[in-house]
N, C-alpha and C. Protein backbone atom coordinates (compact mmCIF):
# COMPACT_ATOMS: atom_id res chain seq x y z
N MET A 1 30.32 0.61 128.61
CA MET A 1 29.28 -0.23 128.75
C MET A 1 28.08 0.30 129.03
N THR A 2 27.14 0.45 128.11
CA THR A 2 25.76 1.15 128.12
C THR A 2 24.92 0.69 129.27
N ALA A 3 24.02 1.53 129.55
CA ALA A 3 23.10 0.99 130.85
C ALA A 3 22.08 -0.16 130.45
N ASP A 4 21.63 -0.23 129.00
CA ASP A 4 20.93 -1.46 128.71
C ASP A 4 21.67 -2.70 128.68
N ARG A 5 23.00 -2.53 128.10
CA ARG A 5 23.79 -3.92 128.54
C ARG A 5 23.99 -4.32 129.88
N LEU A 6 24.16 -3.20 131.00
CA LEU A 6 24.52 -3.58 132.28
C LEU A 6 23.10 -4.32 132.67
N ALA A 7 22.07 -3.79 132.08
CA ALA A 7 20.68 -4.15 132.76
C ALA A 7 20.40 -5.44 132.18
N GLN A 8 21.00 -6.01 131.12
CA GLN A 8 20.83 -7.03 130.41
C GLN A 8 21.53 -8.31 131.35
N LEU A 9 22.79 -7.94 131.56
CA LEU A 9 23.76 -8.81 132.18
C LEU A 9 23.07 -9.08 133.53
N ILE A 10 22.71 -8.11 134.40
CA ILE A 10 21.98 -8.42 135.61
C ILE A 10 20.94 -9.26 135.43
N ALA A 11 20.02 -9.04 134.71
CA ALA A 11 18.99 -9.75 134.47
C ALA A 11 19.23 -11.46 133.92
N ASP A 12 20.34 -11.42 133.24
CA ASP A 12 20.90 -12.84 133.08
C ASP A 12 21.38 -13.48 134.34
N ASN A 13 21.77 -12.74 135.17
CA ASN A 13 22.58 -13.38 136.45
C ASN A 13 21.34 -13.87 137.34
N THR A 14 20.11 -12.98 137.36
CA THR A 14 19.27 -13.83 138.24
C THR A 14 18.44 -14.55 137.80
N SER A 15 18.04 -15.59 138.62
CA SER A 15 17.40 -16.68 138.34
C SER A 15 15.61 -16.43 137.89
N GLU A 16 15.43 -16.51 136.50
CA GLU A 16 14.07 -16.01 136.21
C GLU A 16 13.24 -17.50 136.44
N ALA A 17 11.99 -17.10 136.75
CA ALA A 17 10.92 -18.49 136.76
C ALA A 17 10.72 -18.80 135.38
N PRO A 18 10.64 -20.26 135.49
CA PRO A 18 10.54 -20.89 134.00
C PRO A 18 9.00 -20.88 133.72
N ALA A 19 8.87 -21.02 132.56
CA ALA A 19 7.32 -20.97 132.30
C ALA A 19 6.86 -22.32 132.71
N ALA A 20 5.30 -22.36 132.75
CA ALA A 20 4.71 -23.56 133.21
C ALA A 20 5.02 -24.71 132.25
N GLY A 21 5.50 -25.76 132.73
CA GLY A 21 5.86 -27.09 132.27
C GLY A 21 7.39 -27.28 131.67
N GLU A 22 8.09 -26.05 132.01
CA GLU A 22 9.44 -26.09 131.69
C GLU A 22 10.20 -26.43 132.90
N LEU A 23 11.41 -27.10 132.92
CA LEU A 23 12.31 -27.47 133.91
C LEU A 23 13.11 -26.22 134.45
N PRO A 24 12.94 -26.10 135.69
CA PRO A 24 13.74 -24.99 136.14
C PRO A 24 15.32 -25.12 136.23
N ILE A 25 16.27 -24.39 136.09
CA ILE A 25 17.52 -24.61 135.93
C ILE A 25 18.03 -23.26 136.40
N SER A 26 19.37 -23.44 137.11
CA SER A 26 20.23 -22.20 137.60
C SER A 26 20.99 -21.72 136.47
N THR A 27 21.41 -20.53 136.57
CA THR A 27 22.53 -20.13 135.53
C THR A 27 23.88 -20.75 135.55
N ALA A 28 24.45 -21.51 136.79
CA ALA A 28 25.68 -22.04 136.74
C ALA A 28 25.40 -23.39 135.78
N GLN A 29 24.06 -24.03 136.11
CA GLN A 29 23.84 -25.27 135.63
C GLN A 29 24.05 -24.78 134.00
N ARG A 30 23.22 -24.12 133.66
CA ARG A 30 22.99 -23.66 132.16
C ARG A 30 24.55 -23.32 131.70
N ARG A 31 25.45 -22.55 132.37
CA ARG A 31 26.80 -22.44 131.96
C ARG A 31 27.28 -23.89 131.70
N GLU A 32 27.33 -24.79 132.58
CA GLU A 32 27.83 -26.14 132.45
C GLU A 32 27.36 -26.82 131.24
N LEU A 33 26.02 -26.74 131.14
CA LEU A 33 25.52 -27.46 130.05
C LEU A 33 25.92 -26.79 128.52
N LYS A 34 25.95 -25.60 128.61
CA LYS A 34 26.47 -24.73 127.43
C LYS A 34 27.87 -25.24 126.78
N ALA A 35 28.66 -25.50 127.79
CA ALA A 35 29.94 -25.81 127.54
C ALA A 35 30.07 -27.40 127.27
N ALA A 36 29.09 -28.12 127.68
CA ALA A 36 28.98 -29.79 127.53
C ALA A 36 28.43 -29.88 126.00
N ALA A 37 27.62 -28.98 125.66
CA ALA A 37 26.86 -28.99 124.43
C ALA A 37 27.55 -28.59 123.03
N HIS A 38 28.87 -27.84 123.50
CA HIS A 38 29.71 -27.24 122.32
C HIS A 38 29.99 -28.18 121.34
N ASN A 39 30.46 -29.44 122.05
CA ASN A 39 31.07 -30.65 120.95
C ASN A 39 30.11 -31.35 120.45
N LEU A 40 28.92 -31.16 121.04
CA LEU A 40 27.69 -32.04 120.16
C LEU A 40 27.20 -31.91 118.74
N ASN A 41 27.08 -32.82 118.21
CA ASN A 41 26.18 -32.51 116.61
C ASN A 41 24.67 -32.73 117.01
N PRO A 42 23.87 -32.11 115.77
CA PRO A 42 22.43 -31.99 116.12
C PRO A 42 21.92 -33.57 115.75
N VAL A 43 21.00 -33.89 116.63
CA VAL A 43 20.40 -35.35 116.57
C VAL A 43 18.92 -35.55 115.96
N VAL A 44 18.37 -34.13 115.85
CA VAL A 44 17.10 -33.99 115.43
C VAL A 44 17.04 -32.74 114.46
N THR A 45 16.64 -33.00 113.37
CA THR A 45 16.16 -31.80 112.31
C THR A 45 14.67 -31.39 112.33
N ILE A 46 14.35 -30.26 112.50
CA ILE A 46 12.99 -29.95 112.19
C ILE A 46 13.09 -29.30 110.70
N ALA A 47 12.31 -29.92 109.91
CA ALA A 47 12.26 -29.25 108.70
C ALA A 47 11.16 -28.58 108.19
N ASP A 48 10.83 -28.55 107.07
CA ASP A 48 9.65 -27.98 106.36
C ASP A 48 8.36 -28.03 106.93
N LYS A 49 8.16 -29.29 107.46
CA LYS A 49 6.67 -29.62 107.88
C LYS A 49 6.58 -29.22 109.45
N GLY A 50 7.55 -28.68 110.08
CA GLY A 50 7.47 -28.06 111.26
C GLY A 50 7.57 -29.06 112.33
N LEU A 51 7.10 -28.61 113.68
CA LEU A 51 7.16 -29.50 114.67
C LEU A 51 5.88 -30.41 114.83
N SER A 52 6.11 -31.49 113.87
CA SER A 52 4.91 -32.64 114.16
C SER A 52 5.11 -33.49 115.49
N PRO A 53 4.01 -34.30 115.59
CA PRO A 53 4.09 -35.30 116.87
C PRO A 53 5.13 -36.18 116.67
N ASN A 54 5.49 -36.61 115.56
CA ASN A 54 6.48 -37.56 115.30
C ASN A 54 7.86 -36.99 115.67
N VAL A 55 8.17 -35.57 115.34
CA VAL A 55 9.50 -34.93 115.53
C VAL A 55 9.50 -34.72 117.03
N LEU A 56 8.30 -34.53 117.75
CA LEU A 56 8.30 -34.50 119.12
C LEU A 56 8.76 -35.78 119.82
N LYS A 57 8.09 -36.69 119.37
CA LYS A 57 8.39 -38.13 119.81
C LYS A 57 9.76 -38.44 119.64
N GLU A 58 10.35 -37.99 118.55
CA GLU A 58 11.83 -38.29 118.29
C GLU A 58 12.88 -37.41 119.30
N ILE A 59 12.32 -36.22 119.52
CA ILE A 59 13.15 -35.42 120.56
C ILE A 59 12.97 -36.10 121.74
N ASP A 60 11.90 -36.48 122.12
CA ASP A 60 11.79 -37.30 123.43
C ASP A 60 12.42 -38.38 123.77
N HIS A 61 12.35 -39.22 122.62
CA HIS A 61 13.43 -40.36 122.68
C HIS A 61 14.89 -40.05 122.76
N SER A 62 15.37 -38.96 122.10
CA SER A 62 16.64 -38.75 122.13
C SER A 62 17.06 -38.13 123.49
N LEU A 63 15.93 -37.05 124.17
CA LEU A 63 16.32 -36.69 125.68
C LEU A 63 16.32 -37.91 126.75
N ASN A 64 15.53 -38.79 126.23
CA ASN A 64 15.62 -40.10 127.40
C ASN A 64 17.01 -40.65 127.12
N ILE A 65 17.77 -40.74 125.82
CA ILE A 65 18.77 -41.49 125.89
C ILE A 65 20.22 -40.48 126.25
N HIS A 66 19.99 -39.50 125.70
CA HIS A 66 21.31 -38.59 125.90
C HIS A 66 21.18 -37.43 126.92
N GLY A 67 19.93 -37.13 127.34
CA GLY A 67 19.87 -35.79 128.32
C GLY A 67 20.11 -34.48 127.64
N LEU A 68 21.09 -34.46 126.86
CA LEU A 68 21.42 -33.02 126.43
C LEU A 68 21.55 -33.25 125.00
N ILE A 69 20.73 -32.22 124.01
CA ILE A 69 20.80 -32.54 122.46
C ILE A 69 20.85 -31.16 121.93
N LYS A 70 21.13 -31.21 120.69
CA LYS A 70 21.11 -30.26 119.93
C LYS A 70 20.07 -30.49 118.74
N ILE A 71 19.36 -29.48 118.31
CA ILE A 71 18.25 -29.80 117.44
C ILE A 71 18.50 -28.57 116.39
N ARG A 72 18.58 -29.07 115.13
CA ARG A 72 18.58 -28.03 113.92
C ARG A 72 17.27 -27.63 113.24
N VAL A 73 17.07 -26.41 112.97
CA VAL A 73 15.71 -26.03 112.62
C VAL A 73 16.09 -25.41 111.18
N ALA A 74 15.38 -26.07 110.24
CA ALA A 74 15.57 -25.38 108.92
C ALA A 74 14.96 -24.00 108.64
N SER A 75 14.36 -23.46 109.39
CA SER A 75 13.72 -22.32 109.07
C SER A 75 14.49 -21.01 109.32
N ASP A 76 14.31 -20.07 108.51
CA ASP A 76 15.03 -18.66 108.56
C ASP A 76 14.48 -17.79 109.56
N GLU A 77 13.24 -17.91 110.11
CA GLU A 77 12.69 -17.13 111.05
C GLU A 77 12.92 -17.36 112.39
N ARG A 78 13.61 -16.10 113.00
CA ARG A 78 13.78 -16.27 114.28
C ARG A 78 12.65 -16.57 115.43
N GLU A 79 11.44 -16.10 115.18
CA GLU A 79 10.20 -16.13 115.91
C GLU A 79 9.79 -17.70 115.91
N LEU A 80 9.77 -18.22 114.79
CA LEU A 80 9.22 -19.39 114.57
C LEU A 80 10.14 -20.34 115.38
N ARG A 81 11.70 -20.23 115.09
CA ARG A 81 12.66 -21.03 115.89
C ARG A 81 12.38 -21.13 117.48
N GLU A 82 12.12 -19.73 118.02
CA GLU A 82 11.86 -19.52 119.34
C GLU A 82 10.52 -20.38 119.91
N SER A 83 9.64 -20.00 119.07
CA SER A 83 8.39 -20.86 119.32
C SER A 83 8.43 -22.10 119.24
N TYR A 84 9.25 -22.94 118.66
CA TYR A 84 9.40 -24.27 118.67
C TYR A 84 10.39 -24.73 119.86
N LEU A 85 11.24 -23.80 120.45
CA LEU A 85 11.85 -24.11 121.58
C LEU A 85 11.08 -24.07 122.71
N THR A 86 10.12 -23.07 122.89
CA THR A 86 9.26 -22.84 124.00
C THR A 86 8.25 -24.11 124.04
N GLU A 87 7.70 -24.43 122.89
CA GLU A 87 6.85 -25.65 122.64
C GLU A 87 7.52 -27.03 122.98
N ILE A 88 8.70 -27.21 122.64
CA ILE A 88 9.52 -28.34 123.08
C ILE A 88 9.73 -28.52 124.47
N CYS A 89 10.01 -27.21 124.99
CA CYS A 89 10.17 -27.36 126.58
C CYS A 89 9.07 -27.68 127.27
N HIS A 90 7.85 -27.15 126.75
CA HIS A 90 6.79 -27.05 127.55
C HIS A 90 6.06 -28.55 127.36
N ASN A 91 6.07 -29.05 126.25
CA ASN A 91 5.58 -30.30 126.03
C ASN A 91 6.49 -31.47 126.63
N LEU A 92 7.76 -31.32 126.51
CA LEU A 92 8.59 -32.53 127.14
C LEU A 92 9.21 -32.21 128.46
N SER A 93 8.86 -31.31 129.28
CA SER A 93 9.39 -30.90 130.53
C SER A 93 10.84 -30.85 130.37
N ALA A 94 11.45 -29.95 129.58
CA ALA A 94 12.72 -29.83 129.31
C ALA A 94 13.20 -28.29 129.63
N ALA A 95 14.39 -28.16 129.75
CA ALA A 95 14.92 -26.87 130.08
C ALA A 95 15.74 -26.19 128.45
N ALA A 96 15.30 -25.13 128.49
CA ALA A 96 16.21 -24.51 126.92
C ALA A 96 17.38 -23.98 127.64
N ILE A 97 18.52 -24.48 127.03
CA ILE A 97 19.87 -24.11 127.46
C ILE A 97 20.31 -23.07 126.58
N GLN A 98 20.04 -23.10 125.22
CA GLN A 98 20.77 -22.10 124.41
C GLN A 98 20.01 -22.13 122.87
N HIS A 99 19.93 -20.96 122.44
CA HIS A 99 19.39 -20.83 121.10
C HIS A 99 20.38 -19.96 120.15
N ILE A 100 21.30 -20.47 119.38
CA ILE A 100 22.17 -19.89 118.59
C ILE A 100 22.04 -20.21 117.29
N GLY A 101 21.57 -19.07 116.44
CA GLY A 101 21.54 -19.41 115.05
C GLY A 101 20.35 -20.32 114.68
N LYS A 102 20.49 -21.41 113.79
CA LYS A 102 19.75 -22.36 113.67
C LYS A 102 19.73 -23.66 114.65
N LEU A 103 20.49 -23.79 115.69
CA LEU A 103 20.64 -24.69 116.33
C LEU A 103 19.64 -24.38 117.93
N LEU A 104 19.19 -25.39 118.26
CA LEU A 104 18.68 -25.44 119.56
C LEU A 104 19.07 -26.01 120.64
N VAL A 105 19.44 -25.79 121.93
CA VAL A 105 19.98 -26.85 122.70
C VAL A 105 19.00 -27.06 124.04
N VAL A 106 18.67 -28.16 123.96
CA VAL A 106 17.52 -28.73 125.18
C VAL A 106 18.12 -29.89 125.96
N TRP A 107 17.83 -29.53 127.44
CA TRP A 107 18.24 -30.60 128.45
C TRP A 107 17.23 -31.07 129.37
N ARG A 108 17.30 -32.35 129.63
CA ARG A 108 16.29 -32.82 130.40
C ARG A 108 17.15 -34.09 131.20
N PRO A 109 16.75 -34.23 132.42
CA PRO A 109 17.78 -35.26 133.06
C PRO A 109 17.34 -36.79 132.46
N LYS A 110 18.35 -37.56 132.23
CA LYS A 110 17.97 -38.92 131.94
C LYS A 110 17.07 -39.64 132.64
N ALA A 111 16.30 -40.41 131.74
CA ALA A 111 15.30 -41.39 132.34
C ALA A 111 16.11 -42.53 133.24
N GLU A 112 15.54 -42.71 134.32
CA GLU A 112 16.06 -43.81 135.13
C GLU A 112 15.89 -45.23 134.81
N VAL A 113 16.75 -46.10 135.01
CA VAL A 113 16.55 -47.56 134.19
C VAL A 113 15.46 -48.04 135.09
N ARG A 114 14.55 -48.80 134.60
CA ARG A 114 13.47 -49.35 135.58
C ARG A 114 13.93 -50.93 135.75
N VAL A 115 13.43 -51.17 137.02
CA VAL A 115 13.68 -52.54 137.57
C VAL A 115 12.67 -53.36 137.58
N ASP A 116 12.46 -54.40 136.91
CA ASP A 116 11.35 -55.32 137.02
C ASP A 116 11.05 -56.21 138.19
N LYS A 117 10.41 -56.96 138.49
CA LYS A 117 10.02 -57.81 139.84
C LYS A 117 11.26 -58.71 139.93
N SER A 118 11.87 -59.26 138.92
CA SER A 118 13.17 -60.17 139.04
C SER A 118 14.18 -59.39 139.70
N GLY A 119 14.44 -58.30 139.64
CA GLY A 119 15.44 -57.41 140.13
C GLY A 119 16.25 -57.03 139.08
N LYS A 120 16.14 -57.53 137.90
CA LYS A 120 17.30 -57.33 136.92
C LYS A 120 16.73 -55.82 135.86
N ALA A 121 17.64 -55.17 135.79
CA ALA A 121 17.23 -53.93 134.97
C ALA A 121 16.72 -54.21 133.65
N THR A 122 15.79 -53.62 133.04
CA THR A 122 15.28 -53.64 131.74
C THR A 122 15.65 -52.85 130.68
N GLY A 123 15.57 -53.45 129.49
CA GLY A 123 16.19 -52.48 128.58
C GLY A 123 17.66 -52.51 128.15
N ARG A 124 18.09 -53.49 128.94
CA ARG A 124 19.78 -53.59 128.72
C ARG A 124 20.01 -54.66 127.51
N ARG A 125 21.41 -54.48 126.84
CA ARG A 125 21.30 -55.49 125.99
C ARG A 125 21.74 -56.68 126.44
N LYS A 126 21.83 -57.76 125.95
CA LYS A 126 22.53 -58.91 126.27
C LYS A 126 23.83 -58.84 125.77
N ALA A 127 24.78 -59.78 126.52
CA ALA A 127 26.07 -60.01 126.20
C ALA A 127 26.11 -60.71 124.69
N PRO A 128 27.34 -59.98 124.13
CA PRO A 128 27.34 -60.54 122.67
C PRO A 128 27.85 -62.09 122.45
N ARG A 129 26.89 -62.89 121.60
CA ARG A 129 27.18 -64.18 121.44
C ARG A 129 28.62 -64.49 121.27
N GLN A 130 29.07 -65.51 121.94
CA GLN A 130 30.32 -65.82 121.59
C GLN A 130 30.56 -66.84 120.43
N LEU A 131 31.70 -66.59 119.37
CA LEU A 131 31.70 -67.35 118.27
C LEU A 131 32.59 -68.49 118.54
N LYS A 132 32.39 -69.46 117.72
CA LYS A 132 33.05 -70.84 117.87
C LYS A 132 34.62 -70.46 117.81
N ARG A 133 34.98 -69.41 117.05
CA ARG A 133 36.53 -68.79 117.17
C ARG A 133 36.89 -68.49 118.41
N ASN A 134 36.27 -67.94 119.42
CA ASN A 134 36.59 -67.50 120.38
C ASN A 134 36.95 -68.64 121.49
N PHE A 135 36.32 -69.71 121.42
CA PHE A 135 36.44 -70.87 122.30
C PHE A 135 37.65 -71.61 121.74
N GLN A 136 37.90 -71.57 120.44
CA GLN A 136 39.07 -72.27 119.85
C GLN A 136 40.34 -71.68 120.46
N ASN A 137 40.55 -70.20 120.51
CA ASN A 137 41.66 -69.62 120.55
C ASN A 137 42.08 -69.67 122.20
N GLY A 138 41.03 -69.81 123.14
CA GLY A 138 41.19 -69.79 124.41
C GLY A 138 41.87 -70.85 125.33
């Protein structure tokens, strides 16, 4: 093992301070989230037009629902993909979990369910409507 590789492994195990606006995350949490992201499919694609406000809005929506998401980037330039990852994490207060090939893995804790004044949770679906057939069979 070379000295450079050893220095890199030591640097990976130390908790580095996140950039301004990014979510701090420990190495153990990052390892668990990488394992959880292994089976995920990309939910958002950043295509030729780049990281537009509409794409950021869709990523924010996906993070609110799923918490951990994969993003596919169509560009072949590594520096551009890294800049997208830092911009996403900075603008949406998320943590960069992994950048492997054209896939970016981003995590943010799910948004909590809001409760209105009546005590009922908002944003829930109503129970499915019972059909006449259900009443006849019972």
